[in-house]
Amino acid sequence: KKPITINIKNGLFSDLQEVGGWMNYTTEELLLVRISGSEIRAFDNKCPHQGNRDRWTYDGSQFTCQSHNNSFSNSCSGSLTCYETSLEGDVLTISFD
């Protein structure tokens, strides 16, 4: 899969402009979360339990799949597949290597 480039100033991504902001970017099947001023993490939005993609909540440290209330850390060492990201200014690049 080719890398994705996102301008987070685009209104669709306005939640990512603040630390702690997140979104379920269903078009690309990703969960995105702003960890710090310089880091946004990207995860596959497929629940490891049942494969659900569209019913997520986030409490500041964990994503919870609303299908069965399973929770997953926002850490790249957790159960959700984490992708490489880089943030340069307002441009987020997500790589799938």
Protein backbone atom coordinates (compact mmCIF):
# COMPACT_ATOMS: atom_id res chain seq x y z
CA LYS A 1 0.00 0.00 0.00
CA LYS A 2 1.31 3.44 -0.92
CA PRO A 3 1.97 6.05 1.79
CA ILE A 4 -0.84 8.47 2.63
CA THR A 5 -0.23 12.20 3.06
CA ILE A 6 -2.72 14.26 5.08
CA ASN A 7 -2.83 18.01 5.68
CA ILE A 8 -4.19 18.15 9.24
CA LYS A 9 -5.33 21.75 8.67
CA ASN A 10 -7.99 20.29 6.36
CA GLY A 11 -11.30 20.57 8.26
CA LEU A 12 -11.87 16.80 8.16
CA PHE A 13 -8.77 16.37 10.36
CA SER A 14 -9.35 19.29 12.75
CA ASP A 15 -9.51 16.93 15.77
CA LEU A 16 -5.84 16.06 15.18
CA GLN A 17 -4.67 19.65 15.65
CA GLU A 18 -4.79 19.35 19.47
CA VAL A 19 -2.84 16.87 21.63
CA GLY A 20 -5.25 14.11 22.66
CA GLY A 21 -7.39 14.58 19.56
CA TRP A 22 -8.25 11.50 17.56
CA MET A 23 -10.38 10.24 14.71
CA ASN A 24 -11.52 7.04 13.06
CA TYR A 25 -10.50 7.72 9.46
CA THR A 26 -12.77 5.09 7.96
CA THR A 27 -11.96 6.02 4.34
CA GLU A 28 -8.43 4.67 4.88
CA GLU A 29 -9.35 2.21 7.68
CA LEU A 30 -7.17 4.01 10.25
CA LEU A 31 -7.39 5.24 13.83
CA LEU A 32 -5.35 8.45 14.19
CA VAL A 33 -4.40 10.00 17.54
CA ARG A 34 -2.35 13.11 18.40
CA ILE A 35 0.13 12.00 21.07
CA SER A 36 2.19 15.19 21.32
CA GLY A 37 2.96 18.37 19.45
CA SER A 38 5.27 16.41 17.16
CA GLU A 39 3.67 12.95 17.03
CA ILE A 40 0.50 11.48 15.56
CA ARG A 41 0.12 7.71 15.68
CA ALA A 42 -1.77 5.68 13.09
CA PHE A 43 -3.32 2.26 13.70
CA ASP A 44 -5.30 -0.16 11.59
CA ASN A 45 -8.91 0.36 12.71
CA LYS A 46 -9.70 -3.36 12.50
CA CYS A 47 -10.58 -4.71 15.94
CA PRO A 48 -8.33 -7.73 16.70
CA HIS A 49 -11.28 -9.40 18.43
CA GLN A 50 -14.04 -9.41 15.81
CA GLY A 51 -12.80 -7.27 12.92
CA ASN A 52 -15.15 -4.31 13.49
CA ARG A 53 -13.87 -1.05 11.95
CA ASP A 54 -16.42 1.68 12.57
CA ARG A 55 -17.46 1.75 16.23
CA TRP A 56 -14.55 3.12 18.28
CA THR A 57 -14.23 5.46 21.26
CA TYR A 58 -11.05 6.88 22.79
CA ASP A 59 -10.43 7.87 26.42
CA GLY A 60 -7.01 9.54 26.09
CA SER A 61 -4.94 6.36 26.36
CA GLN A 62 -7.03 3.49 25.00
CA PHE A 63 -9.29 2.81 22.05
CA THR A 64 -12.42 0.83 22.87
CA CYS A 65 -14.29 -1.16 20.26
CA GLN A 66 -17.98 -0.65 20.94
CA SER A 67 -18.95 -4.05 19.54
CA HIS A 68 -17.77 -5.97 22.63
CA ASN A 69 -16.07 -3.22 24.74
CA ASN A 70 -12.57 -4.56 24.16
CA SER A 71 -9.91 -1.91 24.83
CA PHE A 72 -6.55 -1.45 23.15
CA SER A 73 -3.61 0.78 24.09
CA ASN A 74 -2.53 3.75 21.98
CA SER A 75 0.98 2.31 22.25
CA CYS A 76 2.64 0.91 19.15
CA SER A 77 3.52 -2.17 21.22
CA GLY A 78 -0.16 -3.01 21.82
CA SER A 79 -2.59 -5.28 19.97
CA LEU A 80 -3.55 -2.83 17.22
CA THR A 81 -1.35 -2.76 14.11
CA CYS A 82 0.66 0.48 14.27
CA TYR A 83 2.04 2.21 11.17
CA GLU A 84 5.05 4.47 10.75
CA THR A 85 4.20 8.16 10.72
CA SER A 86 6.03 11.43 10.30
CA LEU A 87 4.67 14.89 11.00
CA GLU A 88 6.30 17.85 9.27
CA GLY A 89 4.48 21.08 10.01
CA ASP A 90 0.84 20.32 9.26
CA VAL A 91 1.56 17.40 6.93
CA LEU A 92 1.19 13.86 8.27
CA THR A 93 2.65 11.00 6.24
CA ILE A 94 1.64 7.41 7.05
CA SER A 95 3.74 4.54 5.67
CA PHE A 96 2.60 0.91 5.49
CA ASP A 97 5.95 -0.89 5.06
